[in-house]
Amino acid sequence: MTDSPGAEEASSFGEARREYVELLTGCGVYDLGWRGKMVATGPDRARWLNGMITNNIRDLALNRGNYNFLLNAQGRILGDLYVYNRGDYILMDTAAWQVPKLKETFDKFIIMDDVEITDIGEKLTSVGVQGPRAQEVLQDAGVKFADVEPMEVQDITWNDAGLSITRMGSDVTRAYEMWLAPGAAGALWEAMLGRGAKPVGRQAQEMFRVASGVPRFGQDITERYLPQETAQDAALNFSKGCYIGQEIVERIRSRALLHRRLTGLVVNGPPPASGAKIQFDGKDVGEITSSTSVPAGDRDLTLALGYIRAEAQAPGTEVSVDGVPATVCETPFKQALGIER
C-alpha cells in the first residue's frame, strides 16, 4: 500500500512492471477513489464558472467536458480540474486533496450569483479500466454502452445501479473511467477481474502517466508556473472572454513571452530525483519534476518530465541531469508506449 494525497491505495499487486505492460497490451483495472467530485448548481452556474476557469465551459455540449486551470490574479495556477456539462448541473472532477481549496476559492467569488458548489465525493467514486481489451472486458462484464469519445459521458444502468462512463486519452492509450456509488464499486471491480482484467496499482499508473507526458498538479504543476509553461494548451481558450488571470495568459500569448516549458527527457541512468538540475552548455537550464523507469522491448528506458529553458528545449538536444547524459524528447514517449519500436 501507499499513502497518496487524500487516499490510501495499492502501490502494486505484485509486480508494477508487469502491470504497466498490461495497460499497454491487455486490460488493467485500477482504483480512482483518490479523485474528488464537486457539482455546481443554480441558474448562473455556467456563466459564473466560465468566468473563473481557463477553458470555455459555457458552450460545452450536453455530457461533454474539458480540462481547466484555476488561476490567481497573477496568472499562477491554483489547481486543475475536468469540467462536464451534465444538464441540470456541472460536474467538476479533480484530485480529492484539491477539493477543499478549490471549493473555498469558488465560494469566495460567489457574491450576487445564483450558484452553489457542493462536494459530492462521498456519494460518487471512480474506477478506471485501460488497454486494448478494455472495451471488450467492459462489455463482457455487463457494462453495455455505445463507445464514447474522449471527454464524453454516457449514463447507463449496471447491476441495477446507475453508472456513468467516460473516456480519457487517445485510441492508442484507450482508458475509461466509470463513476458510480461507492457501494457498487467492489462488485464492478470483481466483475472486470472475472472477465480477464488485471489489477493495477499506483506505481504502474505513475509509470504510464510519465510515459504519456501527462503532468500531475502538485508535482509537475504548482503555483510557481504559468499556464503556457506547463504545455497543457488544451486547458486554455483565448476567445471566451474574461476570467481570473486571463490578462496574464493573453499577454504571454500576444508577446510570445515564454522562457521555459515542460518537456520530456530520456536519461541514460537511473530515474533522477524531483528537483534534479538539468544542464546545457555548462549552465543550469531547468529541473526535473517526475521520473520513472519503464520496460520497452528488451531494455528499460528512464523517462523524465521537467521544465527547460528555451535555448535547450528542442527535441534531440543533448543535456545532462546532475551530470548524467540525457536527451530532450517530445511527449508522449512513443517508444515507451509501443507506438514506435
Protein backbone atom coordinates (compact mmCIF):
# COMPACT_ATOMS: atom_id res chain seq x y z
CA MET A 1 0.00 0.00 0.00
CA THR A 2 0.99 3.62 -0.46
CA ASP A 3 -0.32 6.83 1.03
CA SER A 4 -1.29 9.13 -1.80
CA PRO A 5 -2.55 12.65 -1.11
CA GLY A 6 -6.04 12.19 0.26
CA ALA A 7 -6.18 8.40 -0.05
CA GLU A 8 -4.51 5.09 0.72
CA GLU A 9 -4.24 2.73 -2.24
CA ALA A 10 -2.32 -0.24 -3.59
CA SER A 11 1.19 0.60 -4.78
CA SER A 12 1.14 -2.63 -6.80
CA PHE A 13 -0.49 -6.05 -6.91
CA GLY A 14 2.79 -7.94 -7.17
CA GLU A 15 4.90 -6.51 -9.96
CA ALA A 16 4.47 -2.95 -11.22
CA ARG A 17 6.41 -3.55 -14.44
CA ARG A 18 4.03 -6.34 -15.46
CA GLU A 19 1.05 -4.15 -14.57
CA TYR A 20 2.44 -1.38 -16.77
CA VAL A 21 2.72 -3.77 -19.71
CA GLU A 22 -0.88 -4.87 -19.08
CA LEU A 23 -2.04 -1.27 -19.55
CA LEU A 24 -0.37 -1.27 -22.98
CA THR A 25 -1.20 -4.74 -24.24
CA GLY A 26 -4.18 -6.15 -22.33
CA CYS A 27 -6.64 -4.72 -19.82
CA GLY A 28 -5.82 -3.22 -16.45
CA VAL A 29 -8.32 -2.06 -13.83
CA TYR A 30 -7.41 0.47 -11.15
CA ASP A 31 -8.92 2.39 -8.27
CA LEU A 32 -9.61 6.08 -8.86
CA GLY A 33 -11.06 6.66 -5.42
CA TRP A 34 -8.41 9.34 -4.89
CA ARG A 35 -10.33 11.56 -7.33
CA GLY A 36 -12.85 14.00 -5.89
CA LYS A 37 -16.10 15.37 -7.31
CA MET A 38 -17.93 18.67 -6.95
CA VAL A 39 -21.09 19.94 -8.60
CA ALA A 40 -22.18 23.47 -9.47
CA THR A 41 -25.93 24.11 -9.45
CA GLY A 42 -28.10 27.17 -9.87
CA PRO A 43 -29.21 29.16 -12.95
CA ASP A 44 -25.98 31.22 -13.08
CA ARG A 45 -23.63 28.22 -12.88
CA ALA A 46 -22.32 28.15 -16.47
CA ARG A 47 -21.81 31.89 -16.85
CA TRP A 48 -20.23 32.24 -13.42
CA LEU A 49 -17.88 29.24 -13.69
CA ASN A 50 -16.86 30.30 -17.18
CA GLY A 51 -15.52 33.49 -15.61
CA MET A 52 -13.49 31.55 -13.08
CA ILE A 53 -11.51 28.98 -15.09
CA THR A 54 -9.37 28.94 -18.22
CA ASN A 55 -11.40 26.94 -20.75
CA ASN A 56 -14.76 27.57 -22.41
CA ILE A 57 -17.30 25.60 -20.36
CA ARG A 58 -20.26 27.88 -21.14
CA ASP A 59 -20.59 26.37 -24.64
CA LEU A 60 -19.98 22.72 -23.73
CA ALA A 61 -22.49 20.37 -25.33
CA LEU A 62 -24.57 18.19 -23.05
CA ASN A 63 -22.47 15.43 -21.46
CA ARG A 64 -19.20 16.82 -22.81
CA GLY A 65 -16.23 18.05 -20.81
CA ASN A 66 -12.85 19.74 -20.99
CA TYR A 67 -9.70 20.33 -18.94
CA ASN A 68 -9.17 23.57 -17.00
CA PHE A 69 -6.91 25.53 -14.68
CA LEU A 70 -7.99 27.81 -11.87
CA LEU A 71 -5.61 30.78 -11.69
CA ASN A 72 -4.95 33.64 -9.31
CA ALA A 73 -4.88 37.25 -10.46
CA GLN A 74 -1.16 36.95 -11.25
CA GLY A 75 -1.84 34.05 -13.63
CA ARG A 76 -0.33 31.41 -11.33
CA ILE A 77 -2.03 28.00 -11.20
CA LEU A 78 -4.09 27.28 -8.07
CA GLY A 79 -5.46 23.93 -9.25
CA ASP A 80 -6.62 21.84 -12.19
CA LEU A 81 -9.93 20.15 -12.89
CA TYR A 82 -12.06 18.47 -15.54
CA VAL A 83 -15.46 20.09 -16.07
CA TYR A 84 -18.52 18.38 -17.59
CA ASN A 85 -21.89 19.76 -18.66
CA ARG A 86 -24.39 17.36 -17.08
CA GLY A 87 -27.54 19.24 -17.96
CA ASP A 88 -29.06 20.35 -14.66
CA TYR A 89 -25.64 20.69 -13.07
CA ILE A 90 -21.93 20.99 -13.85
CA LEU A 91 -19.67 18.20 -12.61
CA MET A 92 -16.09 19.00 -11.60
CA ASP A 93 -13.52 16.22 -11.28
CA THR A 94 -10.14 16.76 -9.60
CA ALA A 95 -7.78 15.15 -7.11
CA ALA A 96 -9.64 14.79 -3.80
CA TRP A 97 -6.96 16.70 -1.90
CA GLN A 98 -7.60 19.73 -4.13
CA VAL A 99 -11.34 19.85 -3.44
CA PRO A 100 -11.28 21.88 -0.16
CA LYS A 101 -9.04 24.61 -1.61
CA LEU A 102 -10.90 24.82 -4.92
CA LYS A 103 -14.28 24.93 -3.17
CA GLU A 104 -13.08 27.63 -0.78
CA THR A 105 -11.81 29.73 -3.69
CA PHE A 106 -15.01 29.26 -5.67
CA ASP A 107 -17.21 30.10 -2.69
CA LYS A 108 -15.26 33.32 -2.10
CA PHE A 109 -16.17 34.56 -5.57
CA ILE A 110 -19.89 33.78 -5.37
CA ILE A 111 -21.33 37.17 -4.46
CA MET A 112 -24.56 38.08 -6.26
CA ASP A 113 -24.65 34.94 -8.42
CA ASP A 114 -27.21 32.17 -8.00
CA VAL A 115 -24.68 29.34 -7.79
CA GLU A 116 -23.93 26.65 -5.22
CA ILE A 117 -20.81 24.46 -5.12
CA THR A 118 -21.23 21.08 -3.39
CA ASP A 119 -18.63 18.42 -2.60
CA ILE A 120 -20.16 15.06 -3.58
CA GLY A 121 -17.04 12.95 -3.06
CA GLU A 122 -18.77 10.69 -0.54
CA LYS A 123 -21.57 9.91 -3.00
CA LEU A 124 -19.51 9.17 -6.11
CA THR A 125 -16.32 7.22 -6.65
CA SER A 126 -14.36 6.23 -9.77
CA VAL A 127 -12.88 3.06 -11.25
CA GLY A 128 -10.56 3.06 -14.27
CA VAL A 129 -10.06 0.39 -16.91
CA GLN A 130 -7.47 0.69 -19.65
CA GLY A 131 -5.84 -1.16 -22.53
CA PRO A 132 -6.67 -2.53 -25.98
CA ARG A 133 -9.04 -5.10 -24.42
CA ALA A 134 -10.79 -2.58 -22.13
CA GLN A 135 -13.96 -2.22 -24.16
CA GLU A 136 -14.26 -5.99 -24.63
CA VAL A 137 -13.84 -6.62 -20.90
CA LEU A 138 -16.41 -3.97 -20.01
CA GLN A 139 -18.98 -5.41 -22.41
CA ASP A 140 -18.35 -8.93 -21.07
CA ALA A 141 -18.82 -7.64 -17.52
CA GLY A 142 -22.25 -6.30 -18.46
CA VAL A 143 -21.28 -2.65 -18.86
CA LYS A 144 -23.25 -2.19 -22.08
CA PHE A 145 -22.55 1.15 -23.74
CA ALA A 146 -22.07 2.71 -27.13
CA ASP A 147 -18.44 3.71 -27.34
CA VAL A 148 -17.76 7.23 -26.07
CA GLU A 149 -15.34 9.81 -27.38
CA PRO A 150 -12.73 11.37 -25.06
CA MET A 151 -14.39 13.68 -22.52
CA GLU A 152 -17.88 12.44 -23.43
CA VAL A 153 -20.11 10.97 -20.70
CA GLN A 154 -22.73 8.27 -21.16
CA ASP A 155 -25.17 7.17 -18.45
CA ILE A 156 -26.20 3.53 -18.20
CA THR A 157 -27.56 1.07 -15.66
CA TRP A 158 -25.31 -1.74 -14.45
CA ASN A 159 -26.38 -4.33 -11.91
CA ASP A 160 -29.47 -2.24 -11.11
CA ALA A 161 -27.24 0.72 -10.23
CA GLY A 162 -26.60 3.95 -12.10
CA LEU A 163 -23.22 4.21 -13.74
CA SER A 164 -21.60 6.94 -15.86
CA ILE A 165 -18.75 6.13 -18.22
CA THR A 166 -16.32 8.47 -19.94
CA ARG A 167 -13.06 8.06 -21.83
CA MET A 168 -9.69 9.66 -21.28
CA GLY A 169 -6.70 9.60 -23.61
CA SER A 170 -6.31 8.61 -27.26
CA ASP A 171 -7.22 5.48 -29.16
CA VAL A 172 -3.65 4.25 -28.63
CA THR A 173 -3.95 4.64 -24.85
CA ARG A 174 -7.64 3.79 -24.52
CA ALA A 175 -8.77 4.37 -20.96
CA TYR A 176 -12.26 4.54 -19.49
CA GLU A 177 -13.46 5.96 -16.20
CA MET A 178 -16.63 4.83 -14.51
CA TRP A 179 -18.39 6.95 -11.89
CA LEU A 180 -20.71 5.17 -9.50
CA ALA A 181 -21.82 4.93 -5.89
CA PRO A 182 -19.03 3.66 -3.59
CA GLY A 183 -21.15 0.72 -2.51
CA ALA A 184 -21.28 -0.64 -6.07
CA ALA A 185 -17.58 -0.23 -6.88
CA GLY A 186 -16.44 -3.54 -5.36
CA ALA A 187 -18.87 -5.60 -7.45
CA LEU A 188 -17.79 -3.78 -10.62
CA TRP A 189 -14.12 -4.42 -9.81
CA GLU A 190 -14.73 -8.13 -9.29
CA ALA A 191 -16.83 -8.37 -12.45
CA MET A 192 -13.98 -6.99 -14.54
CA LEU A 193 -11.39 -9.23 -12.89
CA GLY A 194 -13.70 -12.16 -13.65
CA ARG A 195 -13.59 -11.25 -17.35
CA GLY A 196 -9.79 -11.13 -17.54
CA ALA A 197 -8.80 -7.65 -16.40
CA LYS A 198 -5.69 -7.46 -14.21
CA PRO A 199 -5.47 -5.21 -11.14
CA VAL A 200 -3.05 -2.31 -11.49
CA GLY A 201 -1.57 -0.29 -8.65
CA ARG A 202 -0.47 3.32 -8.36
CA GLN A 203 3.16 2.63 -9.26
CA ALA A 204 2.28 1.31 -12.74
CA GLN A 205 -0.21 4.15 -13.20
CA GLU A 206 2.59 6.62 -12.47
CA MET A 207 4.87 4.84 -14.95
CA PHE A 208 2.18 5.21 -17.60
CA ARG A 209 1.48 8.83 -16.67
CA VAL A 210 5.10 9.86 -17.15
CA ALA A 211 5.44 7.81 -20.36
CA SER A 212 2.35 9.64 -21.67
CA GLY A 213 3.83 13.01 -20.73
CA VAL A 214 0.88 13.95 -18.51
CA PRO A 215 1.81 16.33 -15.68
CA ARG A 216 0.31 15.98 -12.21
CA PHE A 217 -0.83 19.00 -10.25
CA GLY A 218 1.16 19.33 -7.03
CA GLN A 219 4.17 17.67 -8.61
CA ASP A 220 4.76 18.84 -12.18
CA ILE A 221 2.35 21.77 -11.96
CA THR A 222 2.41 24.12 -8.97
CA GLU A 223 1.76 27.77 -8.22
CA ARG A 224 5.31 28.50 -9.42
CA TYR A 225 4.26 28.05 -13.03
CA LEU A 226 2.23 29.96 -15.58
CA PRO A 227 -0.29 28.04 -17.74
CA GLN A 228 1.65 28.10 -21.03
CA GLU A 229 4.77 26.84 -19.27
CA THR A 230 3.01 23.55 -18.46
CA ALA A 231 2.47 22.67 -22.17
CA GLN A 232 -1.22 21.97 -21.39
CA ASP A 233 -2.52 24.11 -24.21
CA ALA A 234 -5.83 22.22 -24.30
CA ALA A 235 -6.70 23.84 -20.96
CA LEU A 236 -6.69 27.35 -22.44
CA ASN A 237 -9.28 29.16 -24.53
CA PHE A 238 -8.34 32.55 -25.99
CA SER A 239 -11.74 33.63 -27.31
CA LYS A 240 -14.10 33.00 -24.38
CA GLY A 241 -13.72 36.38 -22.68
CA CYS A 242 -12.55 37.37 -19.23
CA TYR A 243 -11.64 35.08 -16.34
CA ILE A 244 -9.34 35.35 -13.34
CA GLY A 245 -5.73 35.60 -14.55
CA GLN A 246 -6.77 35.99 -18.18
CA GLU A 247 -4.81 39.21 -18.69
CA ILE A 248 -1.51 37.48 -17.86
CA VAL A 249 -2.29 34.48 -20.07
CA GLU A 250 -3.14 36.74 -23.01
CA ARG A 251 -0.03 38.86 -22.51
CA ILE A 252 2.17 35.76 -22.68
CA ARG A 253 0.44 34.67 -25.88
CA SER A 254 0.48 38.03 -27.64
CA ARG A 255 4.08 38.85 -26.77
CA ALA A 256 5.41 35.27 -27.09
CA LEU A 257 6.96 35.61 -23.63
CA LEU A 258 7.73 32.03 -22.68
CA HIS A 259 11.13 31.34 -21.18
CA ARG A 260 10.61 27.74 -20.03
CA ARG A 261 8.28 24.88 -20.82
CA LEU A 262 7.54 21.38 -19.54
CA THR A 263 9.05 18.74 -21.80
CA GLY A 264 10.32 15.16 -21.77
CA LEU A 265 13.78 13.68 -21.38
CA VAL A 266 15.28 10.23 -21.85
CA VAL A 267 18.01 9.79 -19.24
CA ASN A 268 20.97 7.44 -19.59
CA GLY A 269 20.87 6.31 -15.99
CA PRO A 270 18.55 5.67 -13.05
CA PRO A 271 15.49 7.89 -12.53
CA PRO A 272 16.63 11.27 -11.20
CA ALA A 273 15.08 12.82 -8.13
CA SER A 274 12.50 15.55 -8.38
CA GLY A 275 14.38 18.84 -8.38
CA ALA A 276 17.48 17.44 -10.09
CA LYS A 277 19.12 20.13 -12.20
CA ILE A 278 19.19 20.00 -16.00
CA GLN A 279 22.39 21.39 -17.51
CA PHE A 280 23.20 22.56 -21.04
CA ASP A 281 26.42 24.12 -22.25
CA GLY A 282 27.74 24.23 -18.69
CA LYS A 283 24.72 26.08 -17.27
CA ASP A 284 21.60 25.12 -15.31
CA VAL A 285 18.64 25.39 -17.70
CA GLY A 286 15.88 23.60 -15.81
CA GLU A 287 14.87 20.94 -13.33
CA ILE A 288 13.20 17.54 -13.17
CA THR A 289 9.67 17.22 -11.78
CA SER A 290 8.85 13.50 -12.41
CA SER A 291 10.80 10.44 -13.50
CA THR A 292 10.39 6.69 -13.89
CA SER A 293 11.87 3.59 -15.49
CA VAL A 294 9.70 1.54 -17.85
CA PRO A 295 10.21 -1.67 -19.86
CA ALA A 296 10.49 -1.04 -23.60
CA GLY A 297 11.06 -4.23 -25.59
CA ASP A 298 14.25 -5.91 -24.42
CA ARG A 299 15.50 -2.96 -22.36
CA ASP A 300 14.43 -0.36 -19.85
CA LEU A 301 14.02 3.34 -20.54
CA THR A 302 14.45 6.06 -17.94
CA LEU A 303 11.95 8.80 -18.67
CA ALA A 304 11.55 12.18 -17.04
CA LEU A 305 9.46 15.33 -17.20
CA GLY A 306 10.96 18.70 -16.43
CA TYR A 307 10.98 22.40 -17.16
CA ILE A 308 13.68 23.51 -19.59
CA ARG A 309 14.61 26.98 -20.77
CA ALA A 310 14.05 27.89 -24.42
CA GLU A 311 17.67 27.50 -25.52
CA ALA A 312 17.66 23.78 -24.69
CA GLN A 313 14.05 22.77 -25.46
CA ALA A 314 14.40 21.40 -29.00
CA PRO A 315 13.84 17.62 -29.29
CA GLY A 316 17.16 15.84 -29.71
CA THR A 317 19.12 18.37 -27.67
CA GLU A 318 21.80 16.65 -25.58
CA VAL A 319 21.75 17.80 -21.97
CA SER A 320 22.69 16.30 -18.60
CA VAL A 321 20.76 15.75 -15.39
CA ASP A 322 23.01 16.18 -12.37
CA GLY A 323 25.89 15.10 -14.61
CA VAL A 324 24.12 12.12 -16.22
CA PRO A 325 23.67 12.35 -20.03
CA ALA A 326 20.09 12.85 -21.24
CA THR A 327 18.25 13.77 -24.43
CA VAL A 328 15.30 16.13 -24.76
CA CYS A 329 12.33 14.26 -26.26
CA GLU A 330 8.79 15.00 -27.34
CA THR A 331 5.96 13.52 -25.29
CA PRO A 332 4.27 11.14 -25.25
CA PHE A 333 7.33 8.88 -25.28
CA LYS A 334 6.29 6.78 -28.27
CA GLN A 335 8.85 4.02 -27.83
CA ALA A 336 7.87 3.51 -24.19
CA LEU A 337 4.19 3.23 -25.17
CA GLY A 338 4.82 0.80 -28.01
CA ILE A 339 3.75 3.32 -30.62
CA GLU A 340 7.18 3.04 -32.22
CA ARG A 341 9.69 0.28 -31.77
